Amino acid sequence: MFQVSKAIPQDISSLPKQGLPTTIVTGFLGSGKTTLLNHILQNQQGLKIAVLVNEFGDIDIDSQLLISMDDNMVELTNGCICCTINDDLVNTIYEVLEREERIDHLLIETTGVADPLPIALTLLGVDLQAVTQLDSILTVLDAENFSLDLFNSQAALSQLTYGDILLLNKSDLVTEERLQTIEEFCHEQKNGARILRCEQGQVALDAILGLGGSNIAQSSDSLAKVAQQGQQHLQNDGFSSFSFRSDRPLDLERFQVFLNDQLPETVFRAKGILWFAQRVQEKFVFQLSGKRFSIDPLPHFTTDTNQLVLISRGLNTLQIQQQLNNCLTQL
């Protein structure tokens, strides 16, 4: 989780006077947050954007897919920057603000099991309120895998209720009747919810950036909540992550058996960069959300290693470790 640090720079005379517009991008596991970020970065229309990414688990998959990382911060070809958050949101934001190049907008991607409230309260707190402006909380929802059971999770419910905009992603994969049912549920949970439908995170940027301020900043009820509530939700919801690494390739057929016959139904989300003995010169992006998964080529990725993260409830980690070990081959 993010930790708030009191270490702030002594000279902040060059920092933005009105506050750097900041959008929190949240949404449950597999909803399409990284796809949305890529869309924004590819269509930023002259804006200089900084993206902060954070992973639940100790393998930073998303930033590898988003951009090739070098240390903590990298320049993107379009003038934007991308960096990872090393447990300290406040200091990371100040690192962005202290750069010579002026940043026009800051995006903070939460993990799929994060409650956005503590992050919002950090931005509205004494350390950052003078140099950032919480523009909005943008919640990405997965129309294809939408389930009411999901909202038994405090994190998923908070993502919905605190979202200024609800992006109903993958809307092309379900019927109009299904979309209307989801929207009715969202309105029941959040009166006056602003819902935008989209496919593959494709949405007009002026509909989600530069909105002028999040509703949460004007909510005395929200500001009165203690950030510790959000910090405890992982334990309350029973989520855990399992990380697997290996410098030996996987056998494709054995891995297929693992996915079909051994992977527990309690695994909500999995993502990774995989290496198979049958195609040893190539690397692949693995994505699993609900019961659907994909394995796609990852051009120009040369590291000979498997990196895999599973996010689940009640996972038998020793069993999963052994099953994945059984999928490995010798070079």
C-alpha atoms as a PDB file:
ATOM      1  CA  MET A   1       0.000   0.000   0.000  1.00  0.00           C
ATOM      2  CA  PHE A   2       1.037   3.639  -0.375  1.00  0.00           C
ATOM      3  CA  GLN A   3       2.661   5.233   2.661  1.00  0.00           C
ATOM      4  CA  VAL A   4       2.515   8.940   3.432  1.00  0.00           C
ATOM      5  CA  SER A   5       5.881  10.574   4.123  1.00  0.00           C
ATOM      6  CA  LYS A   6       6.429  13.969   5.748  1.00  0.00           C
ATOM      7  CA  ALA A   7       9.669  14.544   3.830  1.00  0.00           C
ATOM      8  CA  ILE A   8       8.897  17.387   1.401  1.00  0.00           C
ATOM      9  CA  PRO A   9      11.296  19.714  -0.411  1.00  0.00           C
ATOM     10  CA  GLN A  10      12.246  22.976   1.338  1.00  0.00           C
ATOM     11  CA  ASP A  11      12.030  25.088  -1.820  1.00  0.00           C
ATOM     12  CA  ILE A  12       8.688  24.696  -3.591  1.00  0.00           C
ATOM     13  CA  SER A  13       8.667  28.092  -5.270  1.00  0.00           C
ATOM     14  CA  SER A  14       8.762  26.535  -8.745  1.00  0.00           C
ATOM     15  CA  LEU A  15       5.897  24.112  -8.144  1.00  0.00           C
ATOM     16  CA  PRO A  16       2.467  24.739  -9.746  1.00  0.00           C
ATOM     17  CA  LYS A  17       0.555  27.492  -7.937  1.00  0.00           C
ATOM     18  CA  GLN A  18      -2.902  26.126  -8.729  1.00  0.00           C
ATOM     19  CA  GLY A  19      -1.998  22.503  -8.178  1.00  0.00           C
ATOM     20  CA  LEU A  20      -1.169  19.831 -10.722  1.00  0.00           C
ATOM     21  CA  PRO A  21      -4.416  18.273 -12.034  1.00  0.00           C
ATOM     22  CA  THR A  22      -4.397  14.667 -10.855  1.00  0.00           C
ATOM     23  CA  THR A  23      -6.634  11.775 -11.878  1.00  0.00           C
ATOM     24  CA  ILE A  24      -6.848   8.537  -9.921  1.00  0.00           C
ATOM     25  CA  VAL A  25      -7.473   5.604 -12.278  1.00  0.00           C
ATOM     26  CA  THR A  26      -9.001   2.740 -10.338  1.00  0.00           C
ATOM     27  CA  GLY A  27     -10.995  -0.393 -11.120  1.00  0.00           C
ATOM     28  CA  PHE A  28     -11.108  -4.041 -10.166  1.00  0.00           C
ATOM     29  CA  LEU A  29      -8.764  -6.725 -11.430  1.00  0.00           C
ATOM     30  CA  GLY A  30      -8.720  -7.070 -15.208  1.00  0.00           C
ATOM     31  CA  SER A  31     -11.072  -4.173 -15.884  1.00  0.00           C
ATOM     32  CA  GLY A  32      -8.713  -2.524 -18.391  1.00  0.00           C
ATOM     33  CA  LYS A  33      -6.840   0.194 -16.469  1.00  0.00           C
ATOM     34  CA  THR A  34      -3.521  -0.284 -18.267  1.00  0.00           C
ATOM     35  CA  THR A  35      -5.274  -0.377 -21.654  1.00  0.00           C
ATOM     36  CA  LEU A  36      -6.878   2.956 -20.777  1.00  0.00           C
ATOM     37  CA  LEU A  37      -3.519   4.442 -19.748  1.00  0.00           C
ATOM     38  CA  ASN A  38      -1.959   3.373 -23.020  1.00  0.00           C
ATOM     39  CA  HIS A  39      -4.851   4.995 -24.902  1.00  0.00           C
ATOM     40  CA  ILE A  40      -4.337   8.258 -23.009  1.00  0.00           C
ATOM     41  CA  LEU A  41      -0.586   8.281 -23.626  1.00  0.00           C
ATOM     42  CA  GLN A  42      -1.053   7.616 -27.331  1.00  0.00           C
ATOM     43  CA  ASN A  43      -3.634  10.394 -27.713  1.00  0.00           C
ATOM     44  CA  GLN A  44      -2.496  12.979 -25.209  1.00  0.00           C
ATOM     45  CA  GLN A  45      -2.873  15.805 -27.757  1.00  0.00           C
ATOM     46  CA  GLY A  46       0.194  17.777 -26.729  1.00  0.00           C
ATOM     47  CA  LEU A  47      -0.250  17.358 -22.982  1.00  0.00           C
ATOM     48  CA  LYS A  48       2.771  16.334 -20.937  1.00  0.00           C
ATOM     49  CA  ILE A  49       1.435  13.580 -18.720  1.00  0.00           C
ATOM     50  CA  ALA A  50       3.073  11.762 -15.822  1.00  0.00           C
ATOM     51  CA  VAL A  51       1.818   8.268 -15.013  1.00  0.00           C
ATOM     52  CA  LEU A  52       2.434   6.645 -11.642  1.00  0.00           C
ATOM     53  CA  VAL A  53       1.851   2.892 -11.598  1.00  0.00           C
ATOM     54  CA  ASN A  54       1.680   0.578  -8.634  1.00  0.00           C
ATOM     55  CA  GLU A  55       1.387  -3.201  -8.415  1.00  0.00           C
ATOM     56  CA  PHE A  56      -0.229  -5.470  -5.848  1.00  0.00           C
ATOM     57  CA  GLY A  57       2.470  -8.110  -5.596  1.00  0.00           C
ATOM     58  CA  ASP A  58       6.224  -7.865  -5.939  1.00  0.00           C
ATOM     59  CA  ILE A  59       6.472  -8.212  -9.740  1.00  0.00           C
ATOM     60  CA  ASP A  60       5.789  -4.994 -11.621  1.00  0.00           C
ATOM     61  CA  ILE A  61       4.071  -6.385 -14.717  1.00  0.00           C
ATOM     62  CA  ASP A  62       1.990  -3.363 -15.730  1.00  0.00           C
ATOM     63  CA  SER A  63       4.887  -0.953 -16.092  1.00  0.00           C
ATOM     64  CA  GLN A  64       6.726  -3.445 -18.308  1.00  0.00           C
ATOM     65  CA  LEU A  65       3.726  -3.543 -20.622  1.00  0.00           C
ATOM     66  CA  LEU A  66       3.215   0.185 -20.438  1.00  0.00           C
ATOM     67  CA  ILE A  67       6.789   1.213 -21.207  1.00  0.00           C
ATOM     68  CA  SER A  68      10.313  -0.217 -20.924  1.00  0.00           C
ATOM     69  CA  MET A  69      11.431   0.869 -17.488  1.00  0.00           C
ATOM     70  CA  ASP A  70      14.842   2.201 -16.446  1.00  0.00           C
ATOM     71  CA  ASP A  71      15.203   2.600 -12.682  1.00  0.00           C
ATOM     72  CA  ASN A  72      12.247   4.515 -11.240  1.00  0.00           C
ATOM     73  CA  MET A  73      11.413   7.046 -13.949  1.00  0.00           C
ATOM     74  CA  VAL A  74      11.644   7.111 -17.742  1.00  0.00           C
ATOM     75  CA  GLU A  75      11.001   9.546 -20.544  1.00  0.00           C
ATOM     76  CA  LEU A  76       8.386   8.550 -23.099  1.00  0.00           C
ATOM     77  CA  THR A  77       8.779   9.433 -26.739  1.00  0.00           C
ATOM     78  CA  ASN A  78       5.729  11.722 -26.632  1.00  0.00           C
ATOM     79  CA  GLY A  79       7.224  13.901 -23.884  1.00  0.00           C
ATOM     80  CA  CYS A  80       5.341  12.217 -21.056  1.00  0.00           C
ATOM     81  CA  ILE A  81       6.998  10.341 -18.214  1.00  0.00           C
ATOM     82  CA  CYS A  82       6.224   7.103 -16.417  1.00  0.00           C
ATOM     83  CA  CYS A  83       7.489   5.987 -13.038  1.00  0.00           C
ATOM     84  CA  THR A  84       6.811   3.420 -10.362  1.00  0.00           C
ATOM     85  CA  ILE A  85       5.800   4.181  -6.788  1.00  0.00           C
ATOM     86  CA  ASN A  86       8.226   2.761  -4.266  1.00  0.00           C
ATOM     87  CA  ASP A  87       5.832   2.644  -1.284  1.00  0.00           C
ATOM     88  CA  ASP A  88       5.836   6.440  -0.906  1.00  0.00           C
ATOM     89  CA  LEU A  89       3.223   8.341  -2.873  1.00  0.00           C
ATOM     90  CA  VAL A  90       4.063  11.793  -1.510  1.00  0.00           C
ATOM     91  CA  ASN A  91       7.768  11.670  -2.310  1.00  0.00           C
ATOM     92  CA  THR A  92       7.128  10.178  -5.747  1.00  0.00           C
ATOM     93  CA  ILE A  93       4.782  13.028  -6.638  1.00  0.00           C
ATOM     94  CA  TYR A  94       7.355  15.570  -5.495  1.00  0.00           C
ATOM     95  CA  GLU A  95       9.965  13.855  -7.693  1.00  0.00           C
ATOM     96  CA  VAL A  96       7.633  14.498 -10.635  1.00  0.00           C
ATOM     97  CA  LEU A  97       6.950  18.098  -9.631  1.00  0.00           C
ATOM     98  CA  GLU A  98      10.636  18.935  -9.169  1.00  0.00           C
ATOM     99  CA  ARG A  99      11.522  18.077 -12.752  1.00  0.00           C
ATOM    100  CA  GLU A 100      12.523  20.948 -15.048  1.00  0.00           C
ATOM    101  CA  GLU A 101       9.851  20.062 -17.601  1.00  0.00           C
ATOM    102  CA  ARG A 102       6.382  21.208 -16.590  1.00  0.00           C
ATOM    103  CA  ILE A 103       3.845  18.382 -16.328  1.00  0.00           C
ATOM    104  CA  ASP A 104       0.280  19.185 -17.390  1.00  0.00           C
ATOM    105  CA  HIS A 105      -1.539  16.236 -15.824  1.00  0.00           C
ATOM    106  CA  LEU A 106      -0.775  13.418 -13.392  1.00  0.00           C
ATOM    107  CA  LEU A 107      -2.385   9.964 -13.585  1.00  0.00           C
ATOM    108  CA  ILE A 108      -2.166   7.555 -10.648  1.00  0.00           C
ATOM    109  CA  GLU A 109      -3.118   3.950 -11.403  1.00  0.00           C
ATOM    110  CA  THR A 110      -4.180   1.992  -8.340  1.00  0.00           C
ATOM    111  CA  THR A 111      -3.930  -1.749  -8.037  1.00  0.00           C
ATOM    112  CA  GLY A 112      -7.002  -3.792  -8.851  1.00  0.00           C
ATOM    113  CA  VAL A 113      -7.727  -4.453  -5.178  1.00  0.00           C
ATOM    114  CA  ALA A 114      -7.103  -0.909  -3.926  1.00  0.00           C
ATOM    115  CA  ASP A 115      -9.593   1.358  -2.225  1.00  0.00           C
ATOM    116  CA  PRO A 116      -9.042   4.769  -3.880  1.00  0.00           C
ATOM    117  CA  LEU A 117     -10.076   6.709  -0.765  1.00  0.00           C
ATOM    118  CA  PRO A 118      -6.689   6.693   1.058  1.00  0.00           C
ATOM    119  CA  ILE A 119      -4.973   7.882  -2.121  1.00  0.00           C
ATOM    120  CA  ALA A 120      -7.536  10.659  -2.552  1.00  0.00           C
ATOM    121  CA  LEU A 121      -7.119  11.711   1.082  1.00  0.00           C
ATOM    122  CA  THR A 122      -3.342  11.801   0.612  1.00  0.00           C
ATOM    123  CA  LEU A 123      -3.754  14.184  -2.339  1.00  0.00           C
ATOM    124  CA  LEU A 124      -6.111  16.359  -0.277  1.00  0.00           C
ATOM    125  CA  GLY A 125      -3.856  16.243   2.786  1.00  0.00           C
ATOM    126  CA  VAL A 126      -1.461  18.885   4.082  1.00  0.00           C
ATOM    127  CA  ASP A 127       1.589  17.553   2.204  1.00  0.00           C
ATOM    128  CA  LEU A 128       0.050  17.782  -1.274  1.00  0.00           C
ATOM    129  CA  GLN A 129      -3.043  19.990  -1.204  1.00  0.00           C
ATOM    130  CA  ALA A 130      -1.078  23.092  -2.280  1.00  0.00           C
ATOM    131  CA  VAL A 131       0.675  21.444  -5.224  1.00  0.00           C
ATOM    132  CA  THR A 132      -1.917  19.011  -6.605  1.00  0.00           C
ATOM    133  CA  GLN A 133      -5.591  19.261  -7.529  1.00  0.00           C
ATOM    134  CA  LEU A 134      -7.648  16.080  -7.435  1.00  0.00           C
ATOM    135  CA  ASP A 135      -9.308  16.354 -10.845  1.00  0.00           C
ATOM    136  CA  SER A 136     -11.334  13.164 -10.636  1.00  0.00           C
ATOM    137  CA  ILE A 137     -11.485   9.531  -9.659  1.00  0.00           C
ATOM    138  CA  LEU A 138     -11.974   7.439 -12.790  1.00  0.00           C
ATOM    139  CA  THR A 139     -13.304   3.917 -12.184  1.00  0.00           C
ATOM    140  CA  VAL A 140     -12.984   1.310 -14.931  1.00  0.00           C
ATOM    141  CA  LEU A 141     -15.632  -1.441 -14.853  1.00  0.00           C
ATOM    142  CA  ASP A 142     -15.448  -4.721 -16.765  1.00  0.00           C
ATOM    143  CA  ALA A 143     -18.798  -5.166 -18.514  1.00  0.00           C
ATOM    144  CA  GLU A 144     -17.981  -8.690 -19.674  1.00  0.00           C
ATOM    145  CA  ASN A 145     -17.056 -10.064 -16.243  1.00  0.00           C
ATOM    146  CA  PHE A 146     -19.369  -7.858 -14.178  1.00  0.00           C
ATOM    147  CA  SER A 147     -20.793  -9.727 -11.193  1.00  0.00           C
ATOM    148  CA  LEU A 148     -22.796  -8.579  -8.181  1.00  0.00           C
ATOM    149  CA  ASP A 149     -20.690 -10.912  -6.034  1.00  0.00           C
ATOM    150  CA  LEU A 150     -17.724  -8.687  -6.815  1.00  0.00           C
ATOM    151  CA  PHE A 151     -19.202  -5.938  -4.673  1.00  0.00           C
ATOM    152  CA  ASN A 152     -19.024  -8.053  -1.552  1.00  0.00           C
ATOM    153  CA  SER A 153     -15.465  -6.737  -1.671  1.00  0.00           C
ATOM    154  CA  GLN A 154     -14.962  -3.443   0.144  1.00  0.00           C
ATOM    155  CA  ALA A 155     -12.398  -2.420  -2.460  1.00  0.00           C
ATOM    156  CA  ALA A 156     -14.683  -2.959  -5.447  1.00  0.00           C
ATOM    157  CA  LEU A 157     -17.575  -1.190  -3.739  1.00  0.00           C
ATOM    158  CA  SER A 158     -15.374   1.786  -2.830  1.00  0.00           C
ATOM    159  CA  GLN A 159     -14.102   2.004  -6.392  1.00  0.00           C
ATOM    160  CA  LEU A 160     -17.699   2.257  -7.577  1.00  0.00           C
ATOM    161  CA  THR A 161     -19.036   4.650  -4.959  1.00  0.00           C
ATOM    162  CA  TYR A 162     -16.094   7.084  -5.012  1.00  0.00           C
ATOM    163  CA  GLY A 163     -15.744   7.173  -8.796  1.00  0.00           C
ATOM    164  CA  ASP A 164     -16.576  10.535 -10.386  1.00  0.00           C
ATOM    165  CA  ILE A 165     -16.791   8.779 -13.760  1.00  0.00           C
ATOM    166  CA  LEU A 166     -17.599   5.105 -14.251  1.00  0.00           C
ATOM    167  CA  LEU A 167     -16.058   3.788 -17.473  1.00  0.00           C
ATOM    168  CA  LEU A 168     -18.036   0.735 -18.579  1.00  0.00           C
ATOM    169  CA  ASN A 169     -15.275  -0.975 -20.550  1.00  0.00           C
ATOM    170  CA  LYS A 170     -15.621  -3.959 -22.927  1.00  0.00           C
ATOM    171  CA  SER A 171     -19.167  -2.800 -23.675  1.00  0.00           C
ATOM    172  CA  ASP A 172     -18.924  -4.384 -27.126  1.00  0.00           C
ATOM    173  CA  LEU A 173     -18.708  -7.866 -25.594  1.00  0.00           C
ATOM    174  CA  VAL A 174     -22.157  -7.893 -23.962  1.00  0.00           C
ATOM    175  CA  THR A 175     -25.734  -7.201 -25.026  1.00  0.00           C
ATOM    176  CA  GLU A 176     -27.550  -3.882 -24.709  1.00  0.00           C
ATOM    177  CA  GLU A 177     -29.855  -5.462 -22.138  1.00  0.00           C
ATOM    178  CA  ARG A 178     -26.854  -6.515 -20.049  1.00  0.00           C
ATOM    179  CA  LEU A 179     -25.341  -3.014 -20.252  1.00  0.00           C
ATOM    180  CA  GLN A 180     -28.593  -1.466 -19.069  1.00  0.00           C
ATOM    181  CA  THR A 181     -28.754  -3.894 -16.127  1.00  0.00           C
ATOM    182  CA  ILE A 182     -25.201  -2.954 -15.088  1.00  0.00           C
ATOM    183  CA  GLU A 183     -25.963   0.743 -15.395  1.00  0.00           C
ATOM    184  CA  GLU A 184     -29.110   0.364 -13.268  1.00  0.00           C
ATOM    185  CA  PHE A 185     -27.052  -1.337 -10.562  1.00  0.00           C
ATOM    186  CA  CYS A 186     -24.454   1.451 -10.672  1.00  0.00           C
ATOM    187  CA  HIS A 187     -27.153   4.102 -10.284  1.00  0.00           C
ATOM    188  CA  GLU A 188     -28.599   2.204  -7.328  1.00  0.00           C
ATOM    189  CA  GLN A 189     -25.206   2.178  -5.624  1.00  0.00           C
ATOM    190  CA  LYS A 190     -24.282   5.735  -6.603  1.00  0.00           C
ATOM    191  CA  ASN A 191     -27.057   8.261  -7.148  1.00  0.00           C
ATOM    192  CA  GLY A 192     -26.375  10.393 -10.201  1.00  0.00           C
ATOM    193  CA  ALA A 193     -23.492   8.231 -11.396  1.00  0.00           C
ATOM    194  CA  ARG A 194     -21.873   9.464 -14.598  1.00  0.00           C
ATOM    195  CA  ILE A 195     -21.345   6.398 -16.790  1.00  0.00           C
ATOM    196  CA  LEU A 196     -19.444   6.272 -20.086  1.00  0.00           C
ATOM    197  CA  ARG A 197     -19.428   3.163 -22.267  1.00  0.00           C
ATOM    198  CA  CYS A 198     -16.228   2.272 -24.093  1.00  0.00           C
ATOM    199  CA  GLU A 199     -14.383  -0.500 -25.925  1.00  0.00           C
ATOM    200  CA  GLN A 200     -10.726  -1.297 -25.156  1.00  0.00           C
ATOM    201  CA  GLY A 201     -10.420   1.870 -23.107  1.00  0.00           C
ATOM    202  CA  GLN A 202     -11.151   4.092 -26.112  1.00  0.00           C
ATOM    203  CA  VAL A 203     -12.714   7.282 -24.781  1.00  0.00           C
ATOM    204  CA  ALA A 204     -12.423  10.963 -25.654  1.00  0.00           C
ATOM    205  CA  LEU A 205      -9.813  12.548 -23.388  1.00  0.00           C
ATOM    206  CA  ASP A 206     -11.810  15.713 -22.832  1.00  0.00           C
ATOM    207  CA  ALA A 207     -14.510  13.514 -21.279  1.00  0.00           C
ATOM    208  CA  ILE A 208     -12.182  12.198 -18.563  1.00  0.00           C
ATOM    209  CA  LEU A 209      -9.380  14.783 -18.077  1.00  0.00           C
ATOM    210  CA  GLY A 210      -9.593  18.393 -16.982  1.00  0.00           C
ATOM    211  CA  LEU A 211     -12.915  18.033 -15.183  1.00  0.00           C
ATOM    212  CA  GLY A 212     -12.065  20.684 -12.605  1.00  0.00           C
ATOM    213  CA  GLY A 213     -12.288  18.762  -9.364  1.00  0.00           C
ATOM    214  CA  SER A 214     -13.470  15.516  -7.805  1.00  0.00           C
ATOM    215  CA  ASN A 215     -16.738  15.367  -5.884  1.00  0.00           C
ATOM    216  CA  ILE A 216     -14.884  13.711  -3.025  1.00  0.00           C
ATOM    217  CA  ALA A 217     -13.090  16.979  -2.253  1.00  0.00           C
ATOM    218  CA  GLN A 218     -16.436  18.600  -1.418  1.00  0.00           C
ATOM    219  CA  SER A 219     -17.734  15.659   0.619  1.00  0.00           C
ATOM    220  CA  SER A 220     -17.371  16.194   4.365  1.00  0.00           C
ATOM    221  CA  ASP A 221     -18.423  12.580   4.912  1.00  0.00           C
ATOM    222  CA  SER A 222     -15.566  11.301   2.739  1.00  0.00           C
ATOM    223  CA  LEU A 223     -12.967  13.605   4.256  1.00  0.00           C
ATOM    224  CA  ALA A 224     -14.023  12.582   7.753  1.00  0.00           C
ATOM    225  CA  LYS A 225     -13.177   8.947   7.069  1.00  0.00           C
ATOM    226  CA  VAL A 226      -9.893   7.746   8.417  1.00  0.00           C
ATOM    227  CA  ALA A 227      -7.441   6.536   5.769  1.00  0.00           C
ATOM    228  CA  GLN A 228      -6.813   3.461   7.899  1.00  0.00           C
ATOM    229  CA  GLN A 229     -10.170   2.100   6.670  1.00  0.00           C
ATOM    230  CA  GLY A 230      -8.735   1.744   3.205  1.00  0.00           C
ATOM    231  CA  GLN A 231      -5.441   0.385   4.440  1.00  0.00           C
ATOM    232  CA  GLN A 232      -7.247  -2.536   6.087  1.00  0.00           C
ATOM    233  CA  HIS A 233      -9.391  -3.624   3.150  1.00  0.00           C
ATOM    234  CA  LEU A 234      -6.973  -6.237   1.777  1.00  0.00           C
ATOM    235  CA  GLN A 235      -7.164  -8.140   5.039  1.00  0.00           C
ATOM    236  CA  ASN A 236     -10.911  -7.559   5.301  1.00  0.00           C
ATOM    237  CA  ASP A 237     -11.535  -8.813   1.777  1.00  0.00           C
ATOM    238  CA  GLY A 238      -9.119 -11.728   2.136  1.00  0.00           C
ATOM    239  CA  PHE A 239      -7.072 -10.963  -0.992  1.00  0.00           C
ATOM    240  CA  SER A 240      -3.552 -12.261  -1.402  1.00  0.00           C
ATOM    241  CA  SER A 241      -1.052 -12.305  -4.224  1.00  0.00           C
ATOM    242  CA  PHE A 242       1.289 -15.060  -5.321  1.00  0.00           C
ATOM    243  CA  SER A 243       4.374 -14.316  -7.416  1.00  0.00           C
ATOM    244  CA  PHE A 244       6.211 -16.904  -9.490  1.00  0.00           C
ATOM    245  CA  ARG A 245       9.565 -16.479 -11.204  1.00  0.00           C
ATOM    246  CA  SER A 246      11.779 -18.893 -13.080  1.00  0.00           C
ATOM    247  CA  ASP A 247      14.773 -18.668 -15.405  1.00  0.00           C
ATOM    248  CA  ARG A 248      13.687 -21.949 -17.028  1.00  0.00           C
ATOM    249  CA  PRO A 249      11.066 -22.051 -19.789  1.00  0.00           C
ATOM    250  CA  LEU A 250       7.595 -23.477 -19.374  1.00  0.00           C
ATOM    251  CA  ASP A 251       6.285 -26.415 -21.350  1.00  0.00           C
ATOM    252  CA  LEU A 252       3.300 -25.075 -23.266  1.00  0.00           C
ATOM    253  CA  GLU A 253       1.226 -28.259 -23.025  1.00  0.00           C
ATOM    254  CA  ARG A 254       1.819 -28.633 -19.282  1.00  0.00           C
ATOM    255  CA  PHE A 255       0.929 -24.996 -18.712  1.00  0.00           C
ATOM    256  CA  GLN A 256      -2.295 -25.507 -20.692  1.00  0.00           C
ATOM    257  CA  VAL A 257      -3.183 -28.424 -18.396  1.00  0.00           C
ATOM    258  CA  PHE A 258      -2.474 -26.206 -15.387  1.00  0.00           C
ATOM    259  CA  LEU A 259      -4.838 -23.522 -16.683  1.00  0.00           C
ATOM    260  CA  ASN A 260      -7.595 -25.957 -17.663  1.00  0.00           C
ATOM    261  CA  ASP A 261      -7.507 -28.421 -14.782  1.00  0.00           C
ATOM    262  CA  GLN A 262      -5.516 -27.060 -11.842  1.00  0.00           C
ATOM    263  CA  LEU A 263      -5.970 -23.319 -11.553  1.00  0.00           C
ATOM    264  CA  PRO A 264      -8.328 -22.634  -8.619  1.00  0.00           C
ATOM    265  CA  GLU A 265     -11.597 -20.832  -9.310  1.00  0.00           C
ATOM    266  CA  THR A 266     -10.699 -18.394  -6.526  1.00  0.00           C
ATOM    267  CA  VAL A 267      -8.051 -16.794  -8.784  1.00  0.00           C
ATOM    268  CA  PHE A 268      -9.661 -13.537  -9.949  1.00  0.00           C
ATOM    269  CA  ARG A 269      -6.762 -12.189 -11.956  1.00  0.00           C
ATOM    270  CA  ALA A 270      -3.399 -13.278 -13.312  1.00  0.00           C
ATOM    271  CA  LYS A 271      -0.864 -11.546 -15.476  1.00  0.00           C
ATOM    272  CA  GLY A 272       2.673 -12.270 -16.521  1.00  0.00           C
ATOM    273  CA  ILE A 273       5.448 -12.429 -19.058  1.00  0.00           C
ATOM    274  CA  LEU A 274       6.017 -16.041 -20.077  1.00  0.00           C
ATOM    275  CA  TRP A 275       8.684 -18.014 -21.885  1.00  0.00           C
ATOM    276  CA  PHE A 276       7.927 -21.400 -23.496  1.00  0.00           C
ATOM    277  CA  ALA A 277      10.331 -24.178 -24.507  1.00  0.00           C
ATOM    278  CA  GLN A 278       8.423 -24.753 -27.749  1.00  0.00           C
ATOM    279  CA  ARG A 279       9.122 -21.133 -28.856  1.00  0.00           C
ATOM    280  CA  VAL A 280      12.199 -20.339 -26.876  1.00  0.00           C
ATOM    281  CA  GLN A 281      13.173 -17.254 -28.887  1.00  0.00           C
ATOM    282  CA  GLU A 282       9.892 -15.475 -28.094  1.00  0.00           C
ATOM    283  CA  LYS A 283       8.246 -14.019 -25.000  1.00  0.00           C
ATOM    284  CA  PHE A 284       4.503 -13.771 -24.393  1.00  0.00           C
ATOM    285  CA  VAL A 285       2.111 -11.593 -22.405  1.00  0.00           C
ATOM    286  CA  PHE A 286      -0.278 -13.690 -20.334  1.00  0.00           C
ATOM    287  CA  GLN A 287      -3.542 -12.131 -19.098  1.00  0.00           C
ATOM    288  CA  LEU A 288      -6.297 -13.873 -17.168  1.00  0.00           C
ATOM    289  CA  SER A 289      -9.476 -12.228 -15.940  1.00  0.00           C
ATOM    290  CA  GLY A 290     -12.245 -14.384 -14.579  1.00  0.00           C
ATOM    291  CA  LYS A 291     -12.495 -17.449 -16.796  1.00  0.00           C
ATOM    292  CA  ARG A 292     -10.926 -15.867 -19.895  1.00  0.00           C
ATOM    293  CA  PHE A 293      -7.240 -15.742 -20.662  1.00  0.00           C
ATOM    294  CA  SER A 294      -4.987 -14.749 -23.525  1.00  0.00           C
ATOM    295  CA  ILE A 295      -1.361 -15.444 -24.464  1.00  0.00           C
ATOM    296  CA  ASP A 296       0.014 -12.958 -26.982  1.00  0.00           C
ATOM    297  CA  PRO A 297       3.519 -12.377 -28.414  1.00  0.00           C
ATOM    298  CA  LEU A 298       5.555  -9.635 -26.744  1.00  0.00           C
ATOM    299  CA  PRO A 299       7.939  -8.260 -29.384  1.00  0.00           C
ATOM    300  CA  HIS A 300      11.403  -7.045 -28.429  1.00  0.00           C
ATOM    301  CA  PHE A 301      11.241  -8.412 -24.866  1.00  0.00           C
ATOM    302  CA  THR A 302      14.489 -10.314 -24.420  1.00  0.00           C
ATOM    303  CA  THR A 303      14.774 -11.258 -20.743  1.00  0.00           C
ATOM    304  CA  ASP A 304      14.881 -15.036 -20.369  1.00  0.00           C
ATOM    305  CA  THR A 305      12.603 -15.422 -17.394  1.00  0.00           C
ATOM    306  CA  ASN A 306       9.046 -16.237 -16.446  1.00  0.00           C
ATOM    307  CA  GLN A 307       7.232 -13.681 -14.295  1.00  0.00           C
ATOM    308  CA  LEU A 308       3.712 -14.432 -13.136  1.00  0.00           C
ATOM    309  CA  VAL A 309       1.368 -12.903 -10.552  1.00  0.00           C
ATOM    310  CA  LEU A 310      -1.871 -14.505  -9.332  1.00  0.00           C
ATOM    311  CA  ILE A 311      -4.384 -12.564  -7.224  1.00  0.00           C
ATOM    312  CA  SER A 312      -6.871 -14.654  -5.321  1.00  0.00           C
ATOM    313  CA  ARG A 313      -8.686 -15.438  -2.115  1.00  0.00           C
ATOM    314  CA  GLY A 314      -7.574 -18.379   0.007  1.00  0.00           C
ATOM    315  CA  LEU A 315      -4.846 -19.582  -2.344  1.00  0.00           C
ATOM    316  CA  ASN A 316      -2.789 -22.670  -1.441  1.00  0.00           C
ATOM    317  CA  THR A 317       0.543 -21.141  -2.402  1.00  0.00           C
ATOM    318  CA  LEU A 318       2.637 -24.265  -1.797  1.00  0.00           C
ATOM    319  CA  GLN A 319       0.405 -26.285  -4.116  1.00  0.00           C
ATOM    320  CA  ILE A 320       0.426 -23.603  -6.832  1.00  0.00           C
ATOM    321  CA  GLN A 321       4.205 -23.298  -6.588  1.00  0.00           C
ATOM    322  CA  GLN A 322       4.615 -27.046  -7.084  1.00  0.00           C
ATOM    323  CA  GLN A 323       2.141 -27.162  -9.976  1.00  0.00           C
ATOM    324  CA  LEU A 324       3.955 -24.357 -11.784  1.00  0.00           C
ATOM    325  CA  ASN A 325       7.318 -25.970 -11.079  1.00  0.00           C
ATOM    326  CA  ASN A 326       5.960 -29.090 -12.759  1.00  0.00           C
ATOM    327  CA  CYS A 327       5.292 -27.002 -15.880  1.00  0.00           C
ATOM    328  CA  LEU A 328       8.977 -26.059 -16.222  1.00  0.00           C
ATOM    329  CA  THR A 329      11.405 -27.733 -18.605  1.00  0.00           C
ATOM    330  CA  GLN A 330      15.166 -27.877 -18.906  1.00  0.00           C
ATOM    331  CA  LEU A 331      16.865 -25.652 -21.461  1.00  0.00           C
END
